[in-house]
Protein backbone atom coordinates (compact mmCIF):
# COMPACT_ATOMS: atom_id res chain seq x y z
CA MET A 1 18.16 -286.02 75.10
CA SER A 2 18.62 -287.72 71.82
CA ARG A 3 14.97 -288.68 70.56
CA MET A 4 12.06 -286.54 70.96
CA ILE A 5 13.67 -284.26 73.29
CA ASP A 6 14.07 -286.76 76.19
CA GLN A 7 12.68 -290.06 77.62
CA THR A 8 10.91 -288.64 80.53
CA ALA A 9 9.09 -286.10 78.46
CA THR A 10 8.07 -288.84 75.87
CA GLU A 11 6.71 -291.20 78.81
CA ALA A 12 4.88 -288.24 80.41
CA MET A 13 3.19 -287.57 77.01
CA THR A 14 2.05 -291.06 76.60
CA ASP A 15 0.28 -291.18 79.96
CA GLY A 16 -1.11 -287.64 80.00
CA ARG A 17 0.94 -286.12 82.77
CA LEU A 18 1.96 -283.25 80.59
CA ALA A 19 -1.65 -282.22 80.33
CA ARG A 20 -2.02 -281.46 84.02
CA PHE A 21 -0.94 -278.26 85.76
CA GLU A 22 1.85 -278.64 88.22
CA PRO A 23 1.59 -275.84 90.86
CA GLN A 24 4.93 -276.22 92.23
CA ARG A 25 6.40 -275.31 88.80
CA LEU A 26 4.67 -272.12 88.67
CA GLY A 27 6.88 -269.43 86.84
CA LYS A 28 7.13 -265.78 87.18
CA PHE A 29 4.23 -263.24 86.97
CA TRP A 30 4.57 -260.03 84.94
CA ASP A 31 5.42 -258.09 87.93
CA GLU A 32 8.46 -260.35 88.85
CA ILE A 33 9.81 -260.23 85.47
CA GLU A 34 12.82 -257.89 85.03
CA VAL A 35 14.26 -256.41 81.79
CA GLY A 36 17.61 -258.08 81.54
CA ASP A 37 16.68 -261.31 82.83
CA ARG A 38 18.74 -264.00 80.74
CA LEU A 39 18.62 -267.74 80.77
CA THR A 40 20.73 -270.21 78.69
CA ASP A 41 20.23 -273.83 78.36
CA PHE A 42 23.96 -274.61 77.81
CA PRO A 43 25.31 -277.00 79.02
CA HIS A 44 22.43 -278.41 80.94
CA HIS A 45 19.53 -278.70 78.56
CA VAL A 46 21.08 -279.37 75.25
CA VAL A 47 18.94 -280.98 72.56
CA THR A 48 20.17 -283.32 69.89
CA ILE A 49 18.37 -283.15 66.41
CA THR A 50 17.68 -286.71 65.31
CA GLU A 51 16.43 -288.06 61.90
CA ASP A 52 13.42 -289.35 63.57
CA MET A 53 12.48 -285.78 64.71
CA VAL A 54 12.82 -284.62 61.14
CA VAL A 55 10.77 -287.33 59.53
CA GLN A 56 8.09 -287.09 62.22
CA PHE A 57 7.65 -283.33 61.75
CA ALA A 58 7.53 -283.79 58.03
CA GLU A 59 4.86 -286.55 58.27
CA LEU A 60 2.82 -284.39 60.94
CA THR A 61 2.98 -281.18 58.87
CA GLY A 62 2.96 -282.60 55.39
CA ASP A 63 6.12 -280.65 54.70
CA LEU A 64 7.91 -283.26 52.58
CA ASN A 65 10.26 -280.90 50.83
CA PRO A 66 13.01 -283.24 49.66
CA LEU A 67 15.73 -280.90 51.23
CA HIS A 68 14.47 -282.24 54.49
CA VAL A 69 13.73 -285.92 53.76
CA ASP A 70 15.36 -287.06 50.56
CA HIS A 71 19.17 -287.80 51.09
CA GLU A 72 20.01 -288.27 47.40
CA PHE A 73 18.18 -284.98 46.39
CA ALA A 74 19.81 -283.06 49.33
CA MET A 75 23.35 -284.26 48.51
CA ARG A 76 22.96 -282.49 45.10
CA SER A 77 21.84 -279.31 46.74
CA VAL A 78 24.05 -276.48 47.97
CA TYR A 79 23.68 -277.96 51.56
CA ARG A 80 25.15 -281.38 50.45
CA ARG A 81 22.68 -283.20 53.01
CA THR A 82 19.38 -282.92 54.32
CA ILE A 83 18.58 -279.81 56.59
CA THR A 84 16.08 -279.51 59.47
CA HIS A 85 12.78 -277.59 58.80
CA GLY A 86 12.92 -273.96 59.82
CA ALA A 87 9.40 -274.33 61.23
CA PHE A 88 10.59 -277.29 63.42
CA LEU A 89 13.54 -275.25 64.80
CA THR A 90 11.15 -272.42 65.71
CA SER A 91 8.76 -274.59 67.47
CA LEU A 92 11.62 -276.43 69.16
CA ALA A 93 12.88 -273.08 70.51
CA ILE A 94 9.45 -272.29 71.86
CA GLY A 95 9.33 -275.65 73.42
CA GLN A 96 12.68 -275.14 75.05
CA TYR A 97 11.56 -271.75 76.42
CA HIS A 98 8.52 -273.43 77.97
CA ARG A 99 10.50 -276.17 79.38
CA CYS A 100 12.56 -273.66 81.38
CA ASP A 101 9.38 -272.80 83.52
CA TYR A 102 10.08 -269.13 83.40
CA THR A 103 6.70 -268.23 82.94
CA TYR A 104 5.01 -271.71 83.42
CA GLY A 105 1.31 -271.24 84.18
CA THR A 106 1.42 -267.52 83.84
CA ILE A 107 1.45 -267.16 80.06
CA LEU A 108 -1.85 -266.11 78.63
CA ALA A 109 -0.90 -265.84 74.91
CA LEU A 110 1.78 -265.66 72.36
CA SER A 111 1.18 -262.16 70.85
CA THR A 112 3.89 -261.78 68.18
CA LEU A 113 6.62 -263.91 66.73
CA SER A 114 9.30 -263.16 64.24
CA THR A 115 12.02 -265.72 63.28
CA ARG A 116 15.28 -265.13 61.44
CA PHE A 117 16.87 -268.24 60.01
CA LEU A 118 20.82 -267.45 60.35
CA GLN A 119 22.39 -270.95 59.57
CA PRO A 120 21.28 -274.30 58.28
CA SER A 121 20.77 -277.01 60.93
CA TYR A 122 21.42 -280.80 60.35
CA VAL A 123 20.72 -284.03 62.02
CA GLY A 124 23.22 -284.52 64.80
CA ASP A 125 23.24 -280.78 65.81
CA GLN A 126 23.30 -280.35 69.50
CA LEU A 127 21.36 -277.16 70.21
CA TYR A 128 20.35 -275.00 73.07
CA LEU A 129 18.35 -271.94 73.81
CA GLU A 130 19.64 -268.59 75.05
CA MET A 131 16.76 -266.03 76.11
CA LEU A 132 16.72 -262.41 77.05
CA VAL A 133 14.05 -260.09 78.32
CA VAL A 134 14.35 -256.82 76.47
CA GLY A 135 10.97 -255.09 77.27
CA LYS A 136 7.88 -254.91 79.42
CA ALA A 137 4.71 -252.84 78.92
CA GLU A 138 1.47 -252.68 80.86
CA SER A 139 -1.70 -253.40 79.17
CA ASN A 140 -5.19 -251.87 79.62
CA HIS A 141 -6.19 -254.85 81.73
CA PRO A 142 -4.93 -254.79 85.46
CA LYS A 143 -4.39 -258.53 85.43
CA ARG A 144 -1.96 -258.97 82.43
CA GLY A 145 1.05 -257.27 80.88
CA MET A 146 3.21 -257.73 77.81
CA VAL A 147 6.88 -259.00 78.01
CA LYS A 148 9.27 -258.69 74.85
CA TYR A 149 11.99 -261.33 74.29
CA HIS A 150 15.00 -262.10 72.16
CA ALA A 151 16.00 -265.59 71.93
CA TRP A 152 18.52 -267.70 70.02
CA MET A 153 19.01 -271.37 69.33
CA ARG A 154 22.76 -271.95 69.19
CA ARG A 155 25.00 -275.03 68.44
CA ALA A 156 26.72 -276.45 71.44
CA ASN A 157 30.00 -276.89 69.91
CA ASP A 158 30.69 -273.48 68.68
CA HIS A 159 27.74 -271.29 70.19
CA VAL A 160 26.94 -270.15 66.62
CA ALA A 161 23.36 -268.92 66.44
CA ILE A 162 21.10 -270.98 64.15
CA ILE A 163 17.98 -268.84 64.41
CA ARG A 164 17.03 -265.84 66.30
CA LEU A 165 13.48 -265.24 67.52
CA ASP A 166 11.77 -261.96 68.63
CA PHE A 167 8.54 -262.56 70.30
CA GLU A 168 6.11 -261.04 72.83
CA LEU A 169 3.96 -262.87 75.43
CA LEU A 170 0.84 -261.90 77.32
CA VAL A 171 1.69 -262.75 80.89
CA LEU A 172 -0.48 -262.89 83.97
CA ARG A 173 0.06 -260.25 86.80
CA LEU A 174 0.05 -260.97 90.56
CA ALA A 175 -3.51 -259.21 90.49
CA GLY A 176 -4.77 -262.09 88.52
CA ARG A 177 -3.33 -264.98 90.57
CA ARG A 178 -6.72 -265.65 92.45
CA GLY A 179 -7.88 -267.92 89.65
CA LEU A 180 -4.83 -270.20 90.23
CA GLN A 181 -5.63 -270.78 93.85
CA ARG A 182 -8.16 -273.26 92.65
CA LEU A 183 -5.49 -275.21 91.08
CA GLY A 184 -3.35 -275.49 94.02
CA VAL A 185 -1.32 -272.29 93.80
CA THR A 186 -1.23 -271.27 97.53
CA ASP A 187 0.65 -268.73 99.42
CA GLU A 188 3.06 -271.47 100.46
CA VAL A 189 3.59 -272.60 96.74
CA LEU A 190 4.23 -268.91 95.91
CA ALA A 191 6.71 -268.47 98.73
CA ASN A 192 8.71 -271.55 98.00
CA ARG A 193 9.05 -271.28 94.22
CA GLN A 194 12.52 -271.98 92.80
CA PHE A 195 13.30 -270.89 89.23
CA ARG A 196 15.60 -272.69 87.05
CA SER A 197 17.83 -269.73 86.43
CA GLU A 198 18.49 -269.85 90.30
CA THR A 199 18.94 -273.58 90.53
CA ASP A 200 20.88 -274.59 87.50
CA PRO A 201 24.65 -274.41 87.77
CA PRO A 202 26.17 -271.45 85.88
CA ALA A 203 27.40 -271.84 82.43
CA PRO A 204 30.96 -272.38 81.95
CA PRO A 205 33.20 -269.33 81.96
CA GLY A 206 34.74 -267.74 79.00
CA ILE A 207 31.87 -268.33 76.43
CA ASP A 208 32.11 -265.43 74.14
CA TYR A 209 28.65 -265.11 72.45
CA PRO A 210 28.53 -263.06 69.25
């Protein structure tokens, strides 16, 4: 997973496969989510920050702050080398959340997002996501509800948090699943779902998160 997240995802993006809904990956509905649900990418889905990622993000967004792209300038800064864009790390964390399939196909909207930048991140850092469900709330609509999360992107070598995100998602309820039937979400698909939190091997013991 060293360039543009991973080769499989890159190939899928070029042939359009990521644009098509995959019923067998369907995640959890609001009714199935429980406060206390936790998922960690370590050590199975670690992402390595590359210079290509940083440069492409700078070109795409126009954020050419020399702290991110000019090695000579950055060497004379407090960081002594280029640092990764905070907005890129935020986007990467959101992307890693979606890659876990926890609510794949059941998310209706990102309602709120707050990010705290705790440590600088550099090219070569290996990062992973840790996610915790901290709250649920019903909405006025019978087919949707709110879910509140805390999430952290951590360095794999020492588990220090680089950023923390607090966000809320509007998630489809089981009462609204009828619309997905036309996309292939049959009763059989629902009965045979497997979530990554259930299929990934457990993280190594003895990790003491701060």
